[in-house]
Protein backbone atom coordinates (compact mmCIF):
# COMPACT_ATOMS: atom_id res chain seq x y z
CA MET A 1 28.57 12.95 -5.87
CA SER A 2 26.95 16.07 -7.34
CA MET A 3 26.30 16.77 -10.99
CA LEU A 4 25.40 20.00 -12.73
CA THR A 5 22.69 19.63 -15.34
CA ASN A 6 20.65 21.87 -17.56
CA LYS A 7 17.92 19.26 -17.87
CA GLU A 8 14.69 19.78 -15.98
CA PRO A 9 14.34 17.67 -12.83
CA VAL A 10 12.49 14.37 -12.82
CA PHE A 11 10.69 12.61 -9.97
CA VAL A 12 10.86 8.85 -9.38
CA THR A 13 8.74 6.71 -7.08
CA GLY A 14 10.06 3.23 -6.40
CA GLY A 15 13.68 4.29 -6.90
CA THR A 16 14.97 1.82 -4.31
CA GLY A 17 13.36 -1.14 -6.09
CA PHE A 18 14.91 -3.47 -8.64
CA ILE A 19 13.89 -1.60 -11.80
CA GLY A 20 13.94 1.76 -10.02
CA ARG A 21 17.62 1.51 -9.06
CA HIS A 22 18.58 0.83 -12.67
CA LEU A 23 16.36 3.66 -13.89
CA VAL A 24 17.76 6.23 -11.46
CA ARG A 25 21.34 5.26 -12.31
CA GLU A 26 20.67 5.74 -16.03
CA LEU A 27 18.86 9.04 -15.51
CA VAL A 28 21.81 10.38 -13.53
CA ARG A 29 24.22 9.12 -16.19
CA GLN A 30 22.25 11.05 -18.81
CA GLY A 31 22.51 14.24 -16.77
CA TYR A 32 19.06 14.50 -15.24
CA ALA A 33 18.53 16.02 -11.81
CA VAL A 34 16.66 13.22 -10.05
CA ARG A 35 14.40 13.37 -7.02
CA CYS A 36 13.31 10.10 -5.43
CA LEU A 37 10.46 9.35 -3.06
CA VAL A 38 11.82 7.04 -0.35
CA ARG A 39 10.55 5.66 2.92
CA LYS A 40 12.52 6.12 6.13
CA SER A 41 12.99 2.35 6.27
CA SER A 42 14.36 2.07 2.71
CA HIS A 43 17.98 1.25 1.89
CA THR A 44 18.96 4.56 0.31
CA GLN A 45 22.76 4.35 0.20
CA PRO A 46 22.91 3.51 -3.54
CA LEU A 47 20.76 6.56 -4.30
CA GLU A 48 22.77 8.79 -1.99
CA GLU A 49 25.97 7.74 -3.77
CA LEU A 50 24.41 8.87 -7.06
CA GLY A 51 23.74 12.32 -5.63
CA VAL A 52 19.97 12.29 -6.09
CA THR A 53 17.62 14.33 -3.91
CA LEU A 54 15.70 12.18 -1.43
CA ILE A 55 12.10 13.06 -0.54
CA TYR A 56 10.95 11.11 2.51
CA GLY A 57 7.42 9.76 2.46
CA ASP A 58 5.36 7.16 0.63
CA VAL A 59 2.81 7.03 -2.17
CA THR A 60 -0.05 7.82 0.20
CA ASP A 61 1.65 10.99 1.46
CA ALA A 62 0.22 13.82 -0.65
CA ASN A 63 2.39 16.49 0.98
CA ALA A 64 5.65 14.65 0.30
CA LEU A 65 4.59 13.93 -3.28
CA THR A 66 3.65 17.54 -3.96
CA MET A 67 6.87 18.81 -2.43
CA GLY A 68 8.94 16.38 -4.47
CA MET A 69 7.17 16.89 -7.80
CA ARG A 70 6.96 20.68 -7.70
CA GLY A 71 9.02 21.98 -10.63
CA CYS A 72 9.60 18.52 -12.13
CA HIS A 73 9.07 17.93 -15.83
CA THR A 74 8.59 14.14 -15.67
CA LEU A 75 7.21 11.61 -13.19
CA TYR A 76 8.26 7.96 -13.32
CA HIS A 77 5.80 6.06 -11.13
CA LEU A 78 7.27 2.66 -10.27
CA ALA A 79 6.44 2.28 -6.58
CA ASN A 80 4.05 -0.57 -5.84
CA LEU A 81 3.51 -3.54 -3.58
CA TYR A 82 4.64 -6.49 -5.71
CA ALA A 83 4.09 -9.85 -4.06
CA MET A 84 2.38 -13.14 -4.80
CA TRP A 85 1.66 -13.53 -1.09
CA HIS A 86 1.34 -10.88 1.61
CA PRO A 87 0.37 -11.17 5.28
CA HIS A 88 -1.87 -8.11 4.96
CA PRO A 89 -3.70 -8.32 1.60
CA GLN A 90 -5.47 -5.02 2.22
CA ASP A 91 -2.13 -3.32 1.60
CA PHE A 92 -2.48 -4.03 -2.14
CA GLU A 93 -5.43 -1.65 -2.21
CA ARG A 94 -3.79 0.95 0.01
CA VAL A 95 -0.45 1.07 -1.83
CA ASN A 96 -1.20 0.13 -5.41
CA VAL A 97 -4.66 1.62 -5.87
CA GLU A 98 -5.00 4.54 -3.47
CA GLY A 99 -1.28 5.26 -3.73
CA THR A 100 -1.58 5.62 -7.49
CA ARG A 101 -4.57 7.92 -7.07
CA THR A 102 -2.53 10.15 -4.74
CA VAL A 103 0.50 10.13 -7.05
CA MET A 104 -1.56 11.07 -10.12
CA GLN A 105 -3.34 13.85 -8.27
CA ALA A 106 0.01 15.29 -7.18
CA ALA A 107 1.29 15.11 -10.77
CA LEU A 108 -1.78 17.01 -11.93
CA ASP A 109 -1.48 19.61 -9.17
CA CYS A 110 2.22 20.15 -9.96
CA ASP A 111 1.64 20.46 -13.71
CA VAL A 112 4.00 17.59 -14.53
CA GLN A 113 4.54 17.47 -18.29
CA LYS A 114 4.88 13.68 -18.66
CA VAL A 115 3.88 10.72 -16.51
CA VAL A 116 5.45 7.33 -17.22
CA TYR A 117 3.59 4.64 -15.28
CA LEU A 118 5.01 1.14 -14.98
CA SER A 119 2.12 -1.28 -14.77
CA THR A 120 2.50 -5.04 -15.27
CA VAL A 121 1.67 -7.52 -17.98
CA ALA A 122 -0.33 -9.35 -15.31
CA VAL A 123 -3.21 -6.88 -15.80
CA PHE A 124 -3.95 -8.57 -19.14
CA GLY A 125 -5.02 -11.78 -17.41
CA LYS A 126 -5.53 -14.38 -20.14
CA PRO A 127 -6.44 -12.70 -23.45
CA ALA A 128 -8.13 -14.78 -26.15
CA ARG A 129 -5.07 -14.61 -28.40
CA SER A 130 -1.53 -15.76 -27.70
CA PRO A 131 0.86 -14.10 -28.16
CA PHE A 132 -1.24 -11.02 -27.48
CA THR A 133 -0.55 -7.34 -28.23
CA GLU A 134 -1.55 -3.98 -26.78
CA GLU A 135 -4.73 -4.11 -28.87
CA ASP A 136 -6.05 -7.30 -27.27
CA PRO A 137 -8.66 -6.84 -24.53
CA PRO A 138 -7.70 -8.39 -21.18
CA GLY A 139 -9.10 -11.71 -20.11
CA ARG A 140 -12.03 -11.97 -17.74
CA GLN A 141 -10.04 -12.80 -14.63
CA PHE A 142 -6.85 -11.83 -12.86
CA PHE A 143 -4.62 -14.49 -11.37
CA SER A 144 -3.45 -12.65 -8.25
CA ARG A 145 -4.50 -9.97 -5.83
CA TYR A 146 -1.48 -8.04 -7.02
CA ALA A 147 -2.68 -8.08 -10.64
CA ALA A 148 -6.21 -7.06 -9.67
CA SER A 149 -4.92 -4.11 -7.66
CA LYS A 150 -2.64 -2.99 -10.50
CA ALA A 151 -5.57 -3.14 -12.93
CA ARG A 152 -7.63 -0.88 -10.66
CA ALA A 153 -4.64 1.43 -10.27
CA GLU A 154 -4.26 1.69 -14.03
CA GLU A 155 -7.93 2.54 -14.43
CA ILE A 156 -7.40 5.45 -12.05
CA ALA A 157 -4.35 6.64 -14.00
CA TRP A 158 -6.32 6.59 -17.26
CA GLN A 159 -9.17 8.50 -15.62
CA PHE A 160 -6.71 11.30 -14.87
CA HIS A 161 -5.57 11.18 -18.50
CA HIS A 162 -9.04 11.23 -20.05
CA GLN A 163 -10.77 13.57 -17.61
CA ASN A 164 -7.92 15.95 -16.74
CA SER A 165 -5.60 15.64 -19.77
CA LEU A 166 -2.77 14.24 -17.63
CA PRO A 167 0.02 13.39 -20.15
CA LEU A 168 0.29 9.64 -19.48
CA VAL A 169 2.07 6.69 -21.06
CA VAL A 170 1.84 3.19 -19.56
CA LEU A 171 4.43 0.41 -19.87
CA TYR A 172 3.77 -3.29 -19.21
CA PRO A 173 7.03 -5.18 -18.67
CA GLY A 174 7.13 -8.96 -18.86
CA ILE A 175 9.39 -10.88 -16.48
CA VAL A 176 12.34 -8.56 -15.95
CA LEU A 177 15.85 -10.00 -15.66
CA GLY A 178 19.04 -8.40 -14.44
CA PRO A 179 21.34 -7.94 -11.45
CA GLY A 180 19.82 -7.08 -8.09
CA ASP A 181 16.39 -8.70 -8.38
CA ASP A 182 15.22 -9.90 -4.96
CA LYS A 183 11.57 -10.35 -5.94
CA PRO A 184 9.86 -13.65 -6.98
CA SER A 185 11.55 -13.96 -10.38
CA GLY A 186 14.98 -13.38 -8.88
CA GLN A 187 14.28 -15.73 -5.99
CA TYR A 188 13.43 -18.53 -8.42
CA ILE A 189 16.81 -18.10 -10.12
CA GLN A 190 18.55 -18.22 -6.75
CA ASP A 191 16.60 -21.32 -5.74
CA ILE A 192 17.83 -23.13 -8.84
CA LEU A 193 21.43 -22.00 -8.26
CA LEU A 194 21.30 -23.19 -4.66
CA TRP A 195 19.58 -26.48 -5.57
CA ARG A 196 16.55 -25.57 -3.48
CA VAL A 197 13.93 -26.57 -6.05
CA PRO A 198 13.55 -30.23 -7.07
CA THR A 199 11.75 -29.52 -10.36
CA PRO A 200 11.28 -26.87 -13.03
CA ILE A 201 7.76 -25.57 -12.50
CA TYR A 202 5.04 -25.21 -15.14
CA ARG A 203 7.27 -26.57 -17.87
CA LYS A 204 4.87 -25.85 -20.75
CA SER A 205 3.71 -22.40 -19.65
CA VAL A 206 5.19 -19.58 -21.73
CA ASN A 207 6.30 -16.22 -20.37
CA THR A 208 7.87 -13.22 -22.08
CA TYR A 209 11.18 -12.02 -20.67
CA VAL A 210 13.08 -8.74 -20.93
CA ALA A 211 16.37 -7.27 -19.73
CA VAL A 212 16.02 -4.64 -17.02
CA GLN A 213 18.09 -2.18 -19.06
CA ASP A 214 15.57 -2.46 -21.90
CA VAL A 215 12.76 -1.51 -19.52
CA VAL A 216 14.81 1.49 -18.39
CA THR A 217 15.53 2.50 -21.99
CA ALA A 218 11.86 2.20 -22.95
CA ALA A 219 10.77 4.29 -19.95
CA ILE A 220 13.19 7.14 -20.70
CA LEU A 221 12.41 7.15 -24.42
CA ALA A 222 8.68 7.14 -23.68
CA ALA A 223 9.16 10.18 -21.45
CA GLN A 224 11.18 12.04 -24.08
CA ASN A 225 8.72 11.41 -26.92
CA ALA A 226 5.77 13.81 -27.07
CA HIS A 227 3.85 11.40 -29.31
CA THR A 228 3.56 8.73 -26.59
CA ASN A 229 0.82 10.52 -24.64
CA GLY A 230 -2.10 8.14 -24.25
CA LYS A 231 -0.08 5.16 -25.52
CA ARG A 232 0.39 1.68 -24.02
CA TYR A 233 3.49 -0.45 -24.58
CA LEU A 234 4.19 -4.08 -23.78
CA ILE A 235 7.90 -4.47 -22.99
CA GLY A 236 9.45 -7.87 -23.66
CA ASN A 237 11.12 -9.77 -26.47
CA GLN A 238 11.76 -13.45 -25.77
CA ARG A 239 9.03 -16.01 -25.15
CA ILE A 240 10.25 -19.08 -23.25
CA ASN A 241 8.42 -21.96 -21.59
CA GLY A 242 9.18 -23.05 -18.05
CA LEU A 243 11.42 -25.97 -19.01
CA GLU A 244 13.46 -23.90 -21.47
CA TYR A 245 13.84 -21.17 -18.88
CA ALA A 246 15.20 -23.55 -16.22
CA ARG A 247 17.62 -25.00 -18.77
CA LEU A 248 18.79 -21.50 -19.71
CA ILE A 249 19.41 -20.59 -16.06
CA CYS A 250 21.51 -23.73 -15.66
CA ALA A 251 23.34 -23.17 -18.95
CA VAL A 252 24.47 -19.64 -18.13
CA SER A 253 25.25 -20.31 -14.45
CA GLY A 254 26.70 -23.82 -14.48
CA ALA A 255 24.11 -25.03 -11.96
CA PRO A 256 22.78 -28.59 -12.29
CA MET A 257 19.32 -29.02 -13.73
CA PRO A 258 16.65 -29.83 -11.11
CA PRO A 259 16.25 -33.61 -11.31
CA LEU A 260 12.47 -34.11 -11.02
CA ARG A 261 9.57 -33.34 -13.37
CA LEU A 262 6.49 -32.79 -11.22
CA PRO A 263 3.14 -32.33 -13.00
CA ASP A 264 1.35 -29.00 -12.74
CA TRP A 265 -1.45 -30.39 -10.58
CA MET A 266 1.06 -31.48 -7.95
CA VAL A 267 2.73 -28.06 -7.89
CA ASN A 268 -0.74 -26.49 -7.55
CA LEU A 269 -1.54 -28.79 -4.64
CA VAL A 270 1.68 -27.84 -2.86
CA GLY A 271 0.90 -24.16 -3.48
CA ALA A 272 -2.63 -24.51 -2.09
CA VAL A 273 -1.42 -26.23 1.08
CA LEU A 274 1.42 -23.75 1.62
CA GLY A 275 -0.90 -20.81 0.99
CA TRP A 276 -3.47 -22.08 3.49
CA LEU A 277 -0.80 -22.65 6.12
CA CYS A 278 1.07 -19.39 5.57
CA ASP A 279 -2.12 -17.32 5.70
CA ARG A 280 -2.53 -18.60 9.24
CA ILE A 281 1.02 -18.34 10.54
CA LYS A 282 1.70 -15.07 8.64
CA LEU A 283 4.99 -16.27 7.15
CA PRO A 284 5.84 -16.32 3.42
CA PRO A 285 5.54 -19.68 1.65
CA PRO A 286 8.68 -21.66 0.78
CA TRP A 287 9.78 -21.26 -2.86
CA GLY A 288 7.24 -18.44 -3.13
CA LEU A 289 4.57 -21.04 -3.94
CA SER A 290 1.28 -19.40 -3.04
CA PRO A 291 -2.01 -19.98 -4.88
CA ASP A 292 -1.60 -16.57 -6.57
CA ALA A 293 1.90 -17.48 -7.73
CA CYS A 294 0.73 -20.85 -9.04
CA ARG A 295 -2.16 -19.36 -11.02
CA THR A 296 0.08 -16.65 -12.46
CA LEU A 297 2.91 -18.96 -13.47
CA GLN A 298 0.66 -21.65 -14.89
CA ASN A 299 -1.19 -19.10 -17.01
CA GLY A 300 1.97 -17.44 -18.31
CA PHE A 301 2.07 -14.26 -20.37
CA SER A 302 3.03 -14.71 -23.99
CA PHE A 303 2.97 -11.38 -25.81
CA ASP A 304 4.47 -9.41 -28.69
CA GLY A 305 6.52 -6.43 -27.48
CA SER A 306 7.71 -5.27 -30.89
CA ARG A 307 5.60 -2.11 -30.97
CA ALA A 308 7.62 -0.56 -28.15
CA ALA A 309 10.93 -1.17 -29.92
CA SER A 310 9.59 0.15 -33.22
CA GLU A 311 7.82 3.29 -31.96
CA LEU A 312 10.24 4.23 -29.19
CA GLY A 313 13.32 3.44 -31.24
CA PHE A 314 15.42 0.87 -29.41
CA THR A 315 16.67 -2.68 -29.91
CA TYR A 316 16.00 -5.38 -27.35
CA SER A 317 18.98 -7.04 -25.67
CA PRO A 318 19.45 -10.82 -25.67
CA VAL A 319 17.69 -12.29 -22.64
CA ARG A 320 20.56 -14.75 -22.19
CA VAL A 321 22.94 -11.85 -21.51
CA ALA A 322 20.54 -10.35 -18.94
CA LEU A 323 20.22 -13.73 -17.24
CA GLN A 324 24.01 -14.09 -17.10
CA ALA A 325 24.25 -10.69 -15.41
CA ALA A 326 21.57 -11.70 -12.92
CA CYS A 327 23.26 -15.00 -12.07
CA ARG A 328 26.64 -13.36 -11.50
CA GLY A 329 25.13 -11.34 -8.68
CA TYR A 330 23.69 -14.31 -6.78
CA LYS A 331 25.40 -16.57 -4.28
CA LYS A 332 26.39 -19.93 -5.73
CA PRO A 333 27.29 -23.17 -3.92
CA PHE A 334 30.71 -24.75 -4.39
CA TRP A 335 29.43 -27.37 -6.85
CA VAL A 336 28.39 -24.80 -9.43
CA ARG A 337 31.17 -24.39 -11.95
CA LYS A 338 32.27 -20.88 -12.79
CA THR A 339 30.95 -19.47 -16.07
CA GLY A 340 31.70 -16.22 -17.98
């Protein structure tokens, strides 16, 4: 499919990922000419069907980045290594940190007029206040190697902004819900649907959730608004504890509620044992329970994302609706009753 447009081209990294696919689809719908950085090993058929231009390479490939960004008005930098366990932890530094440095340098060299960088709420660690806002300083520790690498990557992005006047805006989504999520948050939903988890985990820990389409809307509005340069926006609207979240998954999907109620210390023990074992056999832990995942989930991230809606000019969607859309896309066993 080809589409004529009078809008200046935009460049997207991470376009084959969960949020990236939704972003690219919306950009094309709005008439933008989209170029996407993709690896040779990526599943690119959905992007090809949208008629976007594919630039083969990765975030460490300066030549591919420069070729793709040349003449683009906006860069959406979403590509990152997102995992709570990885067989080669050094890849967090290579992809998230050095990759971001290479991407920002290419944006500067190509005179990109706006850079929208998707970070993560995990870079806030555990602030002193809960719920926290963009004004709260981050806590003293990060709960995963992923979060630590994203924090270093963000520091690099801000250095380009402050030292080279790179026009940058940074978004921090909470837990993103919607169809097509195959990362840890989506896997947890599938595990509940398939009755693969015996207990809701970290029942009292509170996280902030957001529909994937709201993240996409915020990113595009942030790019279009000249007054967002140098701004930071938390993206999320509904704060839910672990027990409420499991109940909501079951309510919208028809799945039975996990029957047990294991204490946090027991979940942590399982995560520690699985992490130790999987580090040695180089296989991912069952249920995604690694020490990094346990620390992150037990801490939770309770924040106020109202500034983004107010300043960017959008209304958050109900998280329940986003969760329904996510559940419809996952395989369900025969005992799960059909729901809307």
